[in-house]
Amino acid sequence: MTGQMTRHLTRQLRRPVAAGLLLLVTGVAQAATHTYVAKDYYTTFSGAHPVALRIKPGDRVITKTIDAGGADWNGVTVAGRGNPETGPFFIEGAEPGDMLVVRLEKIEPNRGTAFSGSLLAPYTVDPAAIAERTDREPKRVIWLIDKAKGRARLEDAAIQPGNLELPLNPMLGCVGVAPERKQAIATSTPGNFGGNMDYAGIVAGATVMLPVFEPGALLYIGDGHARQGHGELVGSGLETSMDVQFSVELVKQKPIAWPRLENADYIMVLGSARPLGEALQHANSELQRWLMADYGYTERGAQLLMGQAAELEIANVVDPSFTAVAKMRKSLLVKH
């Protein structure tokens, strides 16, 4: 192969898997870095919104997100409430039936405050516990972010014990693509397209894999949280604006049914539905398919492994659809 051909090579083979060889589109050798700051934000995941930026597999994007209430990094309200999203990013070559790979390289708060709810949401506690409340005011509280110390602090004399302080764990509540069947779905909602999954594991260093339903995939990101507990029990994380850096790749002709996530220690699937049990079923089913297709497990072998080694988490129980996570520790996987 000539040097010129090598420089323009746009595909490389992944390792062999049970279903055959897959093509991972990584882009040209000279991948571009794009800096993008949005002027418009959207509160639906949809293929109908104007494209914000066209990028190629292998490209990197440096951008910003605003908070769930529509305020930017200067504290100025620039959009309506409801998880306004940055995007959509059009990925060249993405077609229905492909898998979009989003590598989250940086997620960092870019202002000194965040807000959160302060009451446990209705689906997270017994109805009797709600009836017993003496303080029912749906009060929003303000947290101070100290990036140098990596801490968030709540200073409110009415909340005891005072000076509640927690370590930062910046994450994105929303990573999603345009949904199937030309739907426009509110950014409060998760689904098979990704969306408002609100999983505390969607952090810098993680890789999100999403099905492609529309040409270009049309990727959206937003709803940054300085940290969030599992389940998002008060209906919010520490909501703030973020500096975000990510890169994208494509796996051609690799249909997946539900969003996948990978970090240094785990492979994970995020299923969303109501009731929570159905979300768990989606996550478990897709994890089994993943183990069979990419790791060489037989149908029964995947089920046996999951039965004794799978780990389950609740990502959110407050959104229009709940999200459950099925995880497998990578150190336990046998590669074939």
C-alpha atoms as a PDB file:
ATOM      1  CA  MET A   1       0.000   0.000   0.000  1.00  0.00           C
ATOM      2  CA  THR A   2       1.420   3.406  -0.929  1.00  0.00           C
ATOM      3  CA  GLY A   3       1.989   6.166   1.596  1.00  0.00           C
ATOM      4  CA  GLN A   4      -0.713   8.250  -0.075  1.00  0.00           C
ATOM      5  CA  MET A   5      -3.213   5.415   0.233  1.00  0.00           C
ATOM      6  CA  THR A   6      -2.296   4.924   3.870  1.00  0.00           C
ATOM      7  CA  ARG A   7      -2.896   8.582   4.679  1.00  0.00           C
ATOM      8  CA  HIS A   8      -6.344   8.415   3.149  1.00  0.00           C
ATOM      9  CA  LEU A   9      -7.360   5.110   4.668  1.00  0.00           C
ATOM     10  CA  THR A  10     -10.662   5.657   6.456  1.00  0.00           C
ATOM     11  CA  ARG A  11     -11.401   2.216   7.831  1.00  0.00           C
ATOM     12  CA  GLN A  12      -9.597  -0.248   9.982  1.00  0.00           C
ATOM     13  CA  LEU A  13     -10.670  -3.728  11.060  1.00  0.00           C
ATOM     14  CA  ARG A  14     -11.683  -4.439  14.602  1.00  0.00           C
ATOM     15  CA  ARG A  15     -10.751  -7.769  16.128  1.00  0.00           C
ATOM     16  CA  PRO A  16     -12.645 -10.822  14.778  1.00  0.00           C
ATOM     17  CA  VAL A  17     -15.918 -11.555  16.559  1.00  0.00           C
ATOM     18  CA  ALA A  18     -18.471 -14.295  16.308  1.00  0.00           C
ATOM     19  CA  ALA A  19     -20.566 -12.461  13.746  1.00  0.00           C
ATOM     20  CA  GLY A  20     -17.591 -11.749  11.475  1.00  0.00           C
ATOM     21  CA  LEU A  21     -15.338  -8.756  10.954  1.00  0.00           C
ATOM     22  CA  LEU A  22     -16.682  -5.293  11.714  1.00  0.00           C
ATOM     23  CA  LEU A  23     -15.567  -2.048  10.134  1.00  0.00           C
ATOM     24  CA  LEU A  24     -14.640   0.724  12.538  1.00  0.00           C
ATOM     25  CA  VAL A  25     -14.648   4.052  10.721  1.00  0.00           C
ATOM     26  CA  THR A  26     -11.990   6.254  12.311  1.00  0.00           C
ATOM     27  CA  GLY A  27     -11.639   9.010   9.731  1.00  0.00           C
ATOM     28  CA  VAL A  28      -8.558  10.223   7.886  1.00  0.00           C
ATOM     29  CA  ALA A  29      -5.166  10.311   9.561  1.00  0.00           C
ATOM     30  CA  GLN A  30      -5.429  14.097   9.961  1.00  0.00           C
ATOM     31  CA  ALA A  31      -8.533  14.191  12.165  1.00  0.00           C
ATOM     32  CA  ALA A  32      -9.922  17.659  12.748  1.00  0.00           C
ATOM     33  CA  THR A  33     -10.628  19.408  16.038  1.00  0.00           C
ATOM     34  CA  HIS A  34     -13.694  21.667  16.032  1.00  0.00           C
ATOM     35  CA  THR A  35     -14.544  24.350  18.586  1.00  0.00           C
ATOM     36  CA  TYR A  36     -18.266  25.011  18.712  1.00  0.00           C
ATOM     37  CA  VAL A  37     -20.386  27.265  20.937  1.00  0.00           C
ATOM     38  CA  ALA A  38     -24.107  27.050  20.287  1.00  0.00           C
ATOM     39  CA  LYS A  39     -26.423  29.981  19.673  1.00  0.00           C
ATOM     40  CA  ASP A  40     -29.545  27.817  19.697  1.00  0.00           C
ATOM     41  CA  TYR A  41     -30.508  24.943  21.991  1.00  0.00           C
ATOM     42  CA  TYR A  42     -33.253  22.357  21.626  1.00  0.00           C
ATOM     43  CA  THR A  43     -35.583  20.604  24.058  1.00  0.00           C
ATOM     44  CA  THR A  44     -36.454  17.685  21.796  1.00  0.00           C
ATOM     45  CA  PHE A  45     -34.328  14.915  20.356  1.00  0.00           C
ATOM     46  CA  SER A  46     -35.316  15.129  16.707  1.00  0.00           C
ATOM     47  CA  GLY A  47     -34.043  14.872  13.162  1.00  0.00           C
ATOM     48  CA  ALA A  48     -35.895  18.062  12.262  1.00  0.00           C
ATOM     49  CA  HIS A  49     -33.576  20.580  13.955  1.00  0.00           C
ATOM     50  CA  PRO A  50     -30.959  22.401  11.863  1.00  0.00           C
ATOM     51  CA  VAL A  51     -27.521  20.791  11.935  1.00  0.00           C
ATOM     52  CA  ALA A  52     -25.199  22.598  14.338  1.00  0.00           C
ATOM     53  CA  LEU A  53     -21.919  21.177  13.009  1.00  0.00           C
ATOM     54  CA  ARG A  54     -20.871  18.523  10.503  1.00  0.00           C
ATOM     55  CA  ILE A  55     -18.002  16.310  11.654  1.00  0.00           C
ATOM     56  CA  LYS A  56     -16.247  13.189  10.420  1.00  0.00           C
ATOM     57  CA  PRO A  57     -15.415   9.953  12.221  1.00  0.00           C
ATOM     58  CA  GLY A  58     -12.218  10.526  14.157  1.00  0.00           C
ATOM     59  CA  ASP A  59     -12.911  14.235  14.669  1.00  0.00           C
ATOM     60  CA  ARG A  60     -12.862  15.883  18.067  1.00  0.00           C
ATOM     61  CA  VAL A  61     -15.328  18.539  19.261  1.00  0.00           C
ATOM     62  CA  ILE A  62     -14.685  21.122  21.985  1.00  0.00           C
ATOM     63  CA  THR A  63     -17.974  22.652  23.088  1.00  0.00           C
ATOM     64  CA  LYS A  64     -20.140  23.815  25.985  1.00  0.00           C
ATOM     65  CA  THR A  65     -23.482  22.836  27.458  1.00  0.00           C
ATOM     66  CA  ILE A  66     -25.914  24.972  29.423  1.00  0.00           C
ATOM     67  CA  ASP A  67     -27.746  23.823  32.537  1.00  0.00           C
ATOM     68  CA  ALA A  68     -31.134  22.095  32.726  1.00  0.00           C
ATOM     69  CA  GLY A  69     -32.848  25.419  33.418  1.00  0.00           C
ATOM     70  CA  GLY A  70     -31.345  27.136  30.368  1.00  0.00           C
ATOM     71  CA  ALA A  71     -28.583  29.178  32.060  1.00  0.00           C
ATOM     72  CA  ASP A  72     -25.106  29.375  30.549  1.00  0.00           C
ATOM     73  CA  TRP A  73     -21.595  29.559  32.037  1.00  0.00           C
ATOM     74  CA  ASN A  74     -22.148  33.244  32.865  1.00  0.00           C
ATOM     75  CA  GLY A  75     -25.385  32.494  34.694  1.00  0.00           C
ATOM     76  CA  VAL A  76     -27.395  34.120  31.883  1.00  0.00           C
ATOM     77  CA  THR A  77     -30.624  32.422  30.801  1.00  0.00           C
ATOM     78  CA  VAL A  78     -30.249  31.728  27.081  1.00  0.00           C
ATOM     79  CA  ALA A  79     -32.850  28.987  26.571  1.00  0.00           C
ATOM     80  CA  GLY A  80     -36.027  27.602  28.067  1.00  0.00           C
ATOM     81  CA  ARG A  81     -36.124  25.012  30.828  1.00  0.00           C
ATOM     82  CA  GLY A  82     -36.152  21.272  30.228  1.00  0.00           C
ATOM     83  CA  ASN A  83     -32.586  20.099  29.502  1.00  0.00           C
ATOM     84  CA  PRO A  84     -31.826  22.285  26.449  1.00  0.00           C
ATOM     85  CA  GLU A  85     -29.305  20.418  24.306  1.00  0.00           C
ATOM     86  CA  THR A  86     -26.173  21.362  22.399  1.00  0.00           C
ATOM     87  CA  GLY A  87     -26.287  19.976  18.853  1.00  0.00           C
ATOM     88  CA  PRO A  88     -27.251  18.247  16.701  1.00  0.00           C
ATOM     89  CA  PHE A  89     -23.861  17.140  15.398  1.00  0.00           C
ATOM     90  CA  PHE A  90     -24.044  15.471  11.979  1.00  0.00           C
ATOM     91  CA  ILE A  91     -21.514  12.628  11.633  1.00  0.00           C
ATOM     92  CA  GLU A  92     -20.489  12.115   8.018  1.00  0.00           C
ATOM     93  CA  GLY A  93     -21.141   8.595   6.791  1.00  0.00           C
ATOM     94  CA  ALA A  94     -23.472   7.593   9.616  1.00  0.00           C
ATOM     95  CA  GLU A  95     -26.418   5.582   8.337  1.00  0.00           C
ATOM     96  CA  PRO A  96     -29.304   3.696   9.952  1.00  0.00           C
ATOM     97  CA  GLY A  97     -28.040   0.365  11.244  1.00  0.00           C
ATOM     98  CA  ASP A  98     -24.599   1.718  12.203  1.00  0.00           C
ATOM     99  CA  MET A  99     -23.351   2.183  15.766  1.00  0.00           C
ATOM    100  CA  LEU A 100     -22.115   5.624  16.822  1.00  0.00           C
ATOM    101  CA  VAL A 101     -19.206   5.614  19.277  1.00  0.00           C
ATOM    102  CA  VAL A 102     -18.836   8.752  21.417  1.00  0.00           C
ATOM    103  CA  ARG A 103     -15.675   9.016  23.491  1.00  0.00           C
ATOM    104  CA  LEU A 104     -16.144  11.495  26.343  1.00  0.00           C
ATOM    105  CA  GLU A 105     -12.749  13.080  26.891  1.00  0.00           C
ATOM    106  CA  LYS A 106     -13.613  16.049  29.125  1.00  0.00           C
ATOM    107  CA  ILE A 107     -16.658  17.031  31.202  1.00  0.00           C
ATOM    108  CA  GLU A 108     -15.878  19.944  33.509  1.00  0.00           C
ATOM    109  CA  PRO A 109     -18.069  22.534  35.250  1.00  0.00           C
ATOM    110  CA  ASN A 110     -17.402  26.004  33.868  1.00  0.00           C
ATOM    111  CA  ARG A 111     -19.008  28.148  36.562  1.00  0.00           C
ATOM    112  CA  GLY A 112     -18.990  28.340  40.329  1.00  0.00           C
ATOM    113  CA  THR A 113     -22.581  27.353  41.137  1.00  0.00           C
ATOM    114  CA  ALA A 114     -25.062  24.544  40.605  1.00  0.00           C
ATOM    115  CA  PHE A 115     -28.658  24.039  41.690  1.00  0.00           C
ATOM    116  CA  SER A 116     -30.620  20.992  42.779  1.00  0.00           C
ATOM    117  CA  GLY A 117     -33.996  19.959  44.065  1.00  0.00           C
ATOM    118  CA  SER A 118     -34.306  19.167  47.766  1.00  0.00           C
ATOM    119  CA  LEU A 119     -37.266  16.772  48.127  1.00  0.00           C
ATOM    120  CA  LEU A 120     -37.232  13.060  47.364  1.00  0.00           C
ATOM    121  CA  ALA A 121     -39.311  12.524  44.228  1.00  0.00           C
ATOM    122  CA  PRO A 122     -42.681  10.728  44.484  1.00  0.00           C
ATOM    123  CA  TYR A 123     -41.596   7.442  42.880  1.00  0.00           C
ATOM    124  CA  THR A 124     -38.545   7.111  45.133  1.00  0.00           C
ATOM    125  CA  VAL A 125     -40.324   6.722  48.505  1.00  0.00           C
ATOM    126  CA  ASP A 126     -43.467   5.239  50.022  1.00  0.00           C
ATOM    127  CA  PRO A 127     -46.609   7.363  49.590  1.00  0.00           C
ATOM    128  CA  ALA A 128     -46.901   7.366  53.368  1.00  0.00           C
ATOM    129  CA  ALA A 129     -43.462   8.985  53.634  1.00  0.00           C
ATOM    130  CA  ILE A 130     -44.670  11.844  51.442  1.00  0.00           C
ATOM    131  CA  ALA A 131     -47.846  12.226  53.502  1.00  0.00           C
ATOM    132  CA  GLU A 132     -45.758  12.468  56.680  1.00  0.00           C
ATOM    133  CA  ARG A 133     -43.709  15.433  55.447  1.00  0.00           C
ATOM    134  CA  THR A 134     -43.948  18.612  57.454  1.00  0.00           C
ATOM    135  CA  ASP A 135     -41.905  20.628  54.930  1.00  0.00           C
ATOM    136  CA  ARG A 136     -43.412  20.246  51.460  1.00  0.00           C
ATOM    137  CA  GLU A 137     -41.943  23.313  49.747  1.00  0.00           C
ATOM    138  CA  PRO A 138     -40.255  22.271  46.467  1.00  0.00           C
ATOM    139  CA  LYS A 139     -37.256  24.434  47.258  1.00  0.00           C
ATOM    140  CA  ARG A 140     -34.338  24.780  44.854  1.00  0.00           C
ATOM    141  CA  VAL A 141     -30.980  24.991  46.641  1.00  0.00           C
ATOM    142  CA  ILE A 142     -27.720  26.472  45.401  1.00  0.00           C
ATOM    143  CA  TRP A 143     -24.402  24.643  45.672  1.00  0.00           C
ATOM    144  CA  LEU A 144     -20.975  26.290  45.422  1.00  0.00           C
ATOM    145  CA  ILE A 145     -18.491  24.538  43.139  1.00  0.00           C
ATOM    146  CA  ASP A 146     -14.808  24.612  44.071  1.00  0.00           C
ATOM    147  CA  LYS A 147     -13.012  23.154  41.068  1.00  0.00           C
ATOM    148  CA  ALA A 148      -9.586  23.530  42.669  1.00  0.00           C
ATOM    149  CA  LYS A 149     -10.628  21.319  45.588  1.00  0.00           C
ATOM    150  CA  GLY A 150     -12.938  19.141  43.514  1.00  0.00           C
ATOM    151  CA  ARG A 151     -15.823  19.745  45.916  1.00  0.00           C
ATOM    152  CA  ALA A 152     -19.395  21.047  45.924  1.00  0.00           C
ATOM    153  CA  ARG A 153     -20.667  22.736  49.080  1.00  0.00           C
ATOM    154  CA  LEU A 154     -24.155  23.665  50.259  1.00  0.00           C
ATOM    155  CA  GLU A 155     -24.245  26.563  52.691  1.00  0.00           C
ATOM    156  CA  ASP A 156     -27.777  26.942  54.023  1.00  0.00           C
ATOM    157  CA  ALA A 157     -28.449  27.588  57.689  1.00  0.00           C
ATOM    158  CA  ALA A 158     -31.917  26.063  57.375  1.00  0.00           C
ATOM    159  CA  ILE A 159     -30.497  22.706  56.293  1.00  0.00           C
ATOM    160  CA  GLN A 160     -28.829  20.674  59.015  1.00  0.00           C
ATOM    161  CA  PRO A 161     -26.219  19.500  59.546  1.00  0.00           C
ATOM    162  CA  GLY A 162     -24.772  22.583  57.943  1.00  0.00           C
ATOM    163  CA  ASN A 163     -22.101  22.922  55.282  1.00  0.00           C
ATOM    164  CA  LEU A 164     -22.968  19.749  53.369  1.00  0.00           C
ATOM    165  CA  GLU A 165     -19.958  19.042  51.160  1.00  0.00           C
ATOM    166  CA  LEU A 166     -19.486  16.350  48.494  1.00  0.00           C
ATOM    167  CA  PRO A 167     -16.798  15.478  45.924  1.00  0.00           C
ATOM    168  CA  LEU A 168     -17.412  16.495  42.319  1.00  0.00           C
ATOM    169  CA  ASN A 169     -18.201  13.785  39.783  1.00  0.00           C
ATOM    170  CA  PRO A 170     -19.044  15.706  36.575  1.00  0.00           C
ATOM    171  CA  MET A 171     -21.339  13.822  34.186  1.00  0.00           C
ATOM    172  CA  LEU A 172     -23.779  14.350  31.334  1.00  0.00           C
ATOM    173  CA  GLY A 173     -27.414  13.525  31.990  1.00  0.00           C
ATOM    174  CA  CYS A 174     -28.167  13.563  28.246  1.00  0.00           C
ATOM    175  CA  VAL A 175     -26.307  11.940  25.365  1.00  0.00           C
ATOM    176  CA  GLY A 176     -28.584  10.969  22.506  1.00  0.00           C
ATOM    177  CA  VAL A 177     -29.259  10.802  18.787  1.00  0.00           C
ATOM    178  CA  ALA A 178     -32.314  11.539  16.657  1.00  0.00           C
ATOM    179  CA  PRO A 179     -34.894   8.823  17.411  1.00  0.00           C
ATOM    180  CA  GLU A 180     -36.363   6.304  14.998  1.00  0.00           C
ATOM    181  CA  ARG A 181     -39.572   6.805  12.983  1.00  0.00           C
ATOM    182  CA  LYS A 182     -39.030  10.576  12.678  1.00  0.00           C
ATOM    183  CA  GLN A 183     -40.069  11.090  16.295  1.00  0.00           C
ATOM    184  CA  ALA A 184     -39.420  14.244  18.299  1.00  0.00           C
ATOM    185  CA  ILE A 185     -38.969  13.200  21.935  1.00  0.00           C
ATOM    186  CA  ALA A 186     -38.694  15.617  24.851  1.00  0.00           C
ATOM    187  CA  THR A 187     -35.230  15.980  26.341  1.00  0.00           C
ATOM    188  CA  SER A 188     -36.656  14.954  29.713  1.00  0.00           C
ATOM    189  CA  THR A 189     -36.943  11.415  28.348  1.00  0.00           C
ATOM    190  CA  PRO A 190     -34.547   8.486  27.822  1.00  0.00           C
ATOM    191  CA  GLY A 191     -35.029   5.672  25.323  1.00  0.00           C
ATOM    192  CA  ASN A 192     -33.267   3.387  22.870  1.00  0.00           C
ATOM    193  CA  PHE A 193     -31.797   6.522  21.259  1.00  0.00           C
ATOM    194  CA  GLY A 194     -30.051   7.469  24.522  1.00  0.00           C
ATOM    195  CA  GLY A 195     -31.401  10.775  25.737  1.00  0.00           C
ATOM    196  CA  ASN A 196     -31.972  11.765  29.356  1.00  0.00           C
ATOM    197  CA  MET A 197     -30.578   8.579  30.907  1.00  0.00           C
ATOM    198  CA  ASP A 198     -29.208  10.441  33.947  1.00  0.00           C
ATOM    199  CA  TYR A 199     -26.623   7.782  34.739  1.00  0.00           C
ATOM    200  CA  ALA A 200     -23.838   8.838  37.105  1.00  0.00           C
ATOM    201  CA  GLY A 201     -21.385   6.725  35.079  1.00  0.00           C
ATOM    202  CA  ILE A 202     -21.538   8.924  31.957  1.00  0.00           C
ATOM    203  CA  VAL A 203     -18.326  10.734  32.874  1.00  0.00           C
ATOM    204  CA  ALA A 204     -15.056  11.723  31.229  1.00  0.00           C
ATOM    205  CA  GLY A 205     -13.176   8.611  30.163  1.00  0.00           C
ATOM    206  CA  ALA A 206     -16.339   6.666  29.352  1.00  0.00           C
ATOM    207  CA  THR A 207     -17.401   5.636  25.853  1.00  0.00           C
ATOM    208  CA  VAL A 208     -21.071   5.811  24.884  1.00  0.00           C
ATOM    209  CA  MET A 209     -22.351   3.661  22.013  1.00  0.00           C
ATOM    210  CA  LEU A 210     -25.668   4.564  20.383  1.00  0.00           C
ATOM    211  CA  PRO A 211     -27.769   3.121  17.555  1.00  0.00           C
ATOM    212  CA  VAL A 212     -28.075   5.266  14.421  1.00  0.00           C
ATOM    213  CA  PHE A 213     -31.620   5.850  13.147  1.00  0.00           C
ATOM    214  CA  GLU A 214     -31.165   8.867  10.863  1.00  0.00           C
ATOM    215  CA  PRO A 215     -28.491   9.783   8.300  1.00  0.00           C
ATOM    216  CA  GLY A 216     -25.737  11.606  10.182  1.00  0.00           C
ATOM    217  CA  ALA A 217     -26.956  10.182  13.523  1.00  0.00           C
ATOM    218  CA  LEU A 218     -27.595  13.758  14.787  1.00  0.00           C
ATOM    219  CA  LEU A 219     -25.920  13.692  18.188  1.00  0.00           C
ATOM    220  CA  TYR A 220     -27.078  15.848  21.104  1.00  0.00           C
ATOM    221  CA  ILE A 221     -25.439  16.427  24.504  1.00  0.00           C
ATOM    222  CA  GLY A 222     -26.537  18.360  27.576  1.00  0.00           C
ATOM    223  CA  ASP A 223     -27.933  18.327  31.132  1.00  0.00           C
ATOM    224  CA  GLY A 224     -24.572  18.496  32.887  1.00  0.00           C
ATOM    225  CA  HIS A 225     -24.414  17.532  36.567  1.00  0.00           C
ATOM    226  CA  ALA A 226     -21.483  18.397  38.831  1.00  0.00           C
ATOM    227  CA  ARG A 227     -22.467  15.170  40.589  1.00  0.00           C
ATOM    228  CA  GLN A 228     -25.541  12.996  41.026  1.00  0.00           C
ATOM    229  CA  GLY A 229     -26.538  10.060  43.184  1.00  0.00           C
ATOM    230  CA  HIS A 230     -27.821   6.880  41.554  1.00  0.00           C
ATOM    231  CA  GLY A 231     -31.507   7.136  40.774  1.00  0.00           C
ATOM    232  CA  GLU A 232     -31.485  10.971  40.699  1.00  0.00           C
ATOM    233  CA  LEU A 233     -33.696  10.756  43.785  1.00  0.00           C
ATOM    234  CA  VAL A 234     -34.521  14.465  44.139  1.00  0.00           C
ATOM    235  CA  GLY A 235     -35.289  14.826  40.435  1.00  0.00           C
ATOM    236  CA  SER A 236     -32.004  16.527  39.627  1.00  0.00           C
ATOM    237  CA  GLY A 237     -28.278  16.300  39.979  1.00  0.00           C
ATOM    238  CA  LEU A 238     -26.169  19.337  40.798  1.00  0.00           C
ATOM    239  CA  GLU A 239     -27.308  21.116  37.644  1.00  0.00           C
ATOM    240  CA  THR A 240     -24.698  23.316  35.984  1.00  0.00           C
ATOM    241  CA  SER A 241     -23.089  24.244  32.678  1.00  0.00           C
ATOM    242  CA  MET A 242     -20.116  22.309  31.341  1.00  0.00           C
ATOM    243  CA  ASP A 243     -17.054  22.436  29.123  1.00  0.00           C
ATOM    244  CA  VAL A 244     -17.173  19.227  27.096  1.00  0.00           C
ATOM    245  CA  GLN A 245     -14.734  17.550  24.740  1.00  0.00           C
ATOM    246  CA  PHE A 246     -15.590  14.404  22.804  1.00  0.00           C
ATOM    247  CA  SER A 247     -14.600  12.469  19.697  1.00  0.00           C
ATOM    248  CA  VAL A 248     -16.672  10.186  17.498  1.00  0.00           C
ATOM    249  CA  GLU A 249     -16.232   6.990  15.522  1.00  0.00           C
ATOM    250  CA  LEU A 250     -18.594   4.732  13.591  1.00  0.00           C
ATOM    251  CA  VAL A 251     -18.991   0.986  13.465  1.00  0.00           C
ATOM    252  CA  LYS A 252     -20.660   0.254  10.152  1.00  0.00           C
ATOM    253  CA  GLN A 253     -23.555  -2.191   9.925  1.00  0.00           C
ATOM    254  CA  LYS A 254     -23.565  -2.823  13.666  1.00  0.00           C
ATOM    255  CA  PRO A 255     -27.174  -2.483  14.845  1.00  0.00           C
ATOM    256  CA  ILE A 256     -27.682  -2.357  18.598  1.00  0.00           C
ATOM    257  CA  ALA A 257     -31.000  -2.223  20.423  1.00  0.00           C
ATOM    258  CA  TRP A 258     -30.053  -0.093  23.460  1.00  0.00           C
ATOM    259  CA  PRO A 259     -27.297   2.348  24.444  1.00  0.00           C
ATOM    260  CA  ARG A 260     -24.046   0.767  25.552  1.00  0.00           C
ATOM    261  CA  LEU A 261     -21.354   2.214  27.778  1.00  0.00           C
ATOM    262  CA  GLU A 262     -17.777   1.167  28.428  1.00  0.00           C
ATOM    263  CA  ASN A 263     -15.090   2.336  30.826  1.00  0.00           C
ATOM    264  CA  ALA A 264     -11.813   0.877  32.050  1.00  0.00           C
ATOM    265  CA  ASP A 265     -13.549  -1.675  34.272  1.00  0.00           C
ATOM    266  CA  TYR A 266     -17.001  -2.476  32.850  1.00  0.00           C
ATOM    267  CA  ILE A 267     -19.161  -2.964  29.817  1.00  0.00           C
ATOM    268  CA  MET A 268     -22.691  -1.692  30.475  1.00  0.00           C
ATOM    269  CA  VAL A 269     -26.106  -1.438  28.854  1.00  0.00           C
ATOM    270  CA  LEU A 270     -28.703   1.213  29.688  1.00  0.00           C
ATOM    271  CA  GLY A 271     -32.334   0.186  29.228  1.00  0.00           C
ATOM    272  CA  SER A 272     -35.198   2.662  29.687  1.00  0.00           C
ATOM    273  CA  ALA A 273     -38.925   2.120  30.216  1.00  0.00           C
ATOM    274  CA  ARG A 274     -41.719   2.263  32.779  1.00  0.00           C
ATOM    275  CA  PRO A 275     -42.035   0.277  34.933  1.00  0.00           C
ATOM    276  CA  LEU A 276     -38.466  -0.107  36.148  1.00  0.00           C
ATOM    277  CA  GLY A 277     -38.657  -3.878  35.691  1.00  0.00           C
ATOM    278  CA  GLU A 278     -39.115  -3.434  31.950  1.00  0.00           C
ATOM    279  CA  ALA A 279     -36.069  -1.154  31.788  1.00  0.00           C
ATOM    280  CA  LEU A 280     -34.090  -3.889  33.538  1.00  0.00           C
ATOM    281  CA  GLN A 281     -35.314  -6.461  31.019  1.00  0.00           C
ATOM    282  CA  HIS A 282     -34.118  -4.278  28.130  1.00  0.00           C
ATOM    283  CA  ALA A 283     -30.687  -3.830  29.731  1.00  0.00           C
ATOM    284  CA  ASN A 284     -30.225  -7.532  30.514  1.00  0.00           C
ATOM    285  CA  SER A 285     -31.353  -8.644  27.053  1.00  0.00           C
ATOM    286  CA  GLU A 286     -28.951  -6.302  25.300  1.00  0.00           C
ATOM    287  CA  LEU A 287     -26.063  -7.276  27.583  1.00  0.00           C
ATOM    288  CA  GLN A 288     -26.623 -10.921  26.663  1.00  0.00           C
ATOM    289  CA  ARG A 289     -26.629 -10.032  22.946  1.00  0.00           C
ATOM    290  CA  TRP A 290     -23.392  -8.063  23.412  1.00  0.00           C
ATOM    291  CA  LEU A 291     -21.640 -10.947  25.170  1.00  0.00           C
ATOM    292  CA  MET A 292     -22.663 -13.329  22.400  1.00  0.00           C
ATOM    293  CA  ALA A 293     -21.887 -11.078  19.431  1.00  0.00           C
ATOM    294  CA  ASP A 294     -18.600  -9.503  20.510  1.00  0.00           C
ATOM    295  CA  TYR A 295     -17.127 -11.839  23.128  1.00  0.00           C
ATOM    296  CA  GLY A 296     -17.933 -15.249  21.683  1.00  0.00           C
ATOM    297  CA  TYR A 297     -20.221 -16.561  24.426  1.00  0.00           C
ATOM    298  CA  THR A 298     -22.883 -19.067  23.521  1.00  0.00           C
ATOM    299  CA  GLU A 299     -26.455 -18.265  24.400  1.00  0.00           C
ATOM    300  CA  ARG A 300     -26.352 -20.389  27.543  1.00  0.00           C
ATOM    301  CA  GLY A 301     -22.795 -19.329  28.363  1.00  0.00           C
ATOM    302  CA  ALA A 302     -23.785 -15.657  28.366  1.00  0.00           C
ATOM    303  CA  GLN A 303     -26.748 -16.389  30.610  1.00  0.00           C
ATOM    304  CA  LEU A 304     -24.651 -18.410  33.043  1.00  0.00           C
ATOM    305  CA  LEU A 305     -22.053 -15.653  33.261  1.00  0.00           C
ATOM    306  CA  MET A 306     -24.713 -13.000  33.826  1.00  0.00           C
ATOM    307  CA  GLY A 307     -26.429 -15.129  36.441  1.00  0.00           C
ATOM    308  CA  GLN A 308     -23.341 -15.215  38.629  1.00  0.00           C
ATOM    309  CA  ALA A 309     -21.441 -12.051  37.708  1.00  0.00           C
ATOM    310  CA  ALA A 310     -23.776  -9.331  36.375  1.00  0.00           C
ATOM    311  CA  GLU A 311     -24.158  -6.146  38.403  1.00  0.00           C
ATOM    312  CA  LEU A 312     -27.262  -3.971  38.267  1.00  0.00           C
ATOM    313  CA  GLU A 313     -27.742  -0.266  38.980  1.00  0.00           C
ATOM    314  CA  ILE A 314     -30.591   2.209  38.865  1.00  0.00           C
ATOM    315  CA  ALA A 315     -29.724   5.288  36.824  1.00  0.00           C
ATOM    316  CA  ASN A 316     -32.972   7.230  37.215  1.00  0.00           C
ATOM    317  CA  VAL A 317     -36.447   6.709  38.674  1.00  0.00           C
ATOM    318  CA  VAL A 318     -37.755  10.240  38.078  1.00  0.00           C
ATOM    319  CA  ASP A 319     -37.919  10.726  34.298  1.00  0.00           C
ATOM    320  CA  PRO A 320     -40.867   9.852  32.027  1.00  0.00           C
ATOM    321  CA  SER A 321     -39.049   6.539  31.493  1.00  0.00           C
ATOM    322  CA  PHE A 322     -36.851   4.995  34.170  1.00  0.00           C
ATOM    323  CA  THR A 323     -33.325   3.775  33.335  1.00  0.00           C
ATOM    324  CA  ALA A 324     -31.624   0.610  34.581  1.00  0.00           C
ATOM    325  CA  VAL A 325     -28.014  -0.443  33.994  1.00  0.00           C
ATOM    326  CA  ALA A 326     -26.759  -4.011  33.481  1.00  0.00           C
ATOM    327  CA  LYS A 327     -22.982  -4.258  33.992  1.00  0.00           C
ATOM    328  CA  MET A 328     -20.286  -6.875  33.505  1.00  0.00           C
ATOM    329  CA  ARG A 329     -16.805  -6.493  34.937  1.00  0.00           C
ATOM    330  CA  LYS A 330     -14.306  -6.726  32.064  1.00  0.00           C
ATOM    331  CA  SER A 331     -11.797  -8.708  34.124  1.00  0.00           C
ATOM    332  CA  LEU A 332     -14.308 -11.591  34.222  1.00  0.00           C
ATOM    333  CA  LEU A 333     -14.796 -11.785  30.460  1.00  0.00           C
ATOM    334  CA  VAL A 334     -13.205 -14.682  28.550  1.00  0.00           C
ATOM    335  CA  LYS A 335     -12.167 -13.497  25.105  1.00  0.00           C
ATOM    336  CA  HIS A 336     -12.533 -15.984  22.258  1.00  0.00           C
END
